[in-house]
Amino acid sequence: MTSKLNTKIAVKGFEVAFTQTHQEDFISITDIAKYKTENPNAVIANWLRNRNTIEFLGIWEQLHNPDFN
């Protein structure tokens, strides 16, 4: 059975969702982006287009997904 803990933490006056599953921690990037603007879609879209982000995701896939092409 999977243990899952959902919590909200306060960061600089904003609530950020925090989830723990299989002893792994996950934090909501949407909630973090709301710190910059009320419409976080543009912040996240720009972050995903960033060259460093794309390189990081490629390296992460190579390490964690043996079938990555």
Protein backbone atom coordinates (compact mmCIF):
# COMPACT_ATOMS: atom_id res chain seq x y z
CA MET A 1 0.00 0.00 0.00
CA THR A 2 1.20 3.48 -0.90
CA SER A 3 1.53 6.00 1.88
CA LYS A 4 0.55 9.50 0.77
CA LEU A 5 0.66 12.68 2.81
CA ASN A 6 -0.79 15.95 1.44
CA THR A 7 0.15 19.12 3.26
CA LYS A 8 0.28 22.83 2.59
CA ILE A 9 3.21 24.87 3.83
CA ALA A 10 3.46 28.65 4.05
CA VAL A 11 6.30 30.21 2.06
CA LYS A 12 6.60 34.00 2.10
CA GLY A 13 2.88 34.31 2.79
CA PHE A 14 1.80 31.89 0.04
CA GLU A 15 0.48 28.37 0.52
CA VAL A 16 2.41 25.73 -1.38
CA ALA A 17 1.13 22.17 -1.70
CA PHE A 18 3.50 19.44 -0.58
CA THR A 19 2.97 15.73 -1.16
CA GLN A 20 4.93 12.76 0.08
CA THR A 21 4.54 9.42 -1.70
CA HIS A 22 6.79 6.35 -1.25
CA GLN A 23 9.06 8.49 0.98
CA GLU A 24 9.60 10.89 -1.98
CA ASP A 25 8.75 14.58 -1.62
CA PHE A 26 6.89 16.55 -4.29
CA ILE A 27 6.16 20.28 -4.26
CA SER A 28 3.68 22.12 -6.49
CA ILE A 29 5.50 24.26 -9.07
CA THR A 30 2.14 25.86 -9.91
CA ASP A 31 1.84 27.15 -6.35
CA ILE A 32 5.43 28.42 -6.49
CA ALA A 33 4.73 30.19 -9.81
CA LYS A 34 1.73 31.92 -8.23
CA TYR A 35 4.28 33.90 -6.18
CA LYS A 36 5.22 35.76 -9.40
CA THR A 37 1.77 36.17 -10.94
CA GLU A 38 -1.87 35.16 -10.50
CA ASN A 39 -1.64 33.33 -13.84
CA PRO A 40 1.20 30.83 -13.36
CA ASN A 41 0.78 29.23 -16.82
CA ALA A 42 3.17 31.68 -18.51
CA VAL A 43 5.81 31.28 -15.78
CA ILE A 44 5.74 27.48 -16.08
CA ALA A 45 5.69 27.56 -19.91
CA ASN A 46 8.77 29.82 -19.95
CA TRP A 47 10.51 27.59 -17.40
CA LEU A 48 9.81 24.49 -19.52
CA ARG A 49 11.27 26.20 -22.62
CA ASN A 50 14.46 27.16 -20.82
CA ARG A 51 17.54 25.39 -22.21
CA ASN A 52 18.81 24.43 -18.75
CA THR A 53 15.45 22.87 -17.87
CA ILE A 54 15.39 20.84 -21.10
CA GLU A 55 18.95 19.61 -20.48
CA PHE A 56 18.09 18.70 -16.88
CA LEU A 57 15.00 16.75 -17.97
CA GLY A 58 17.03 14.91 -20.63
CA ILE A 59 19.69 13.89 -18.10
CA TRP A 60 17.03 12.87 -15.58
CA GLU A 61 15.34 10.66 -18.21
CA GLN A 62 18.65 9.01 -19.14
CA LEU A 63 19.30 8.19 -15.49
CA HIS A 64 15.79 7.02 -14.56
CA ASN A 65 14.38 5.64 -17.81
CA PRO A 66 16.55 3.00 -19.48
CA ASP A 67 14.30 3.00 -22.59
CA PHE A 68 14.67 6.77 -23.15
CA ASN A 69 15.27 7.63 -26.79
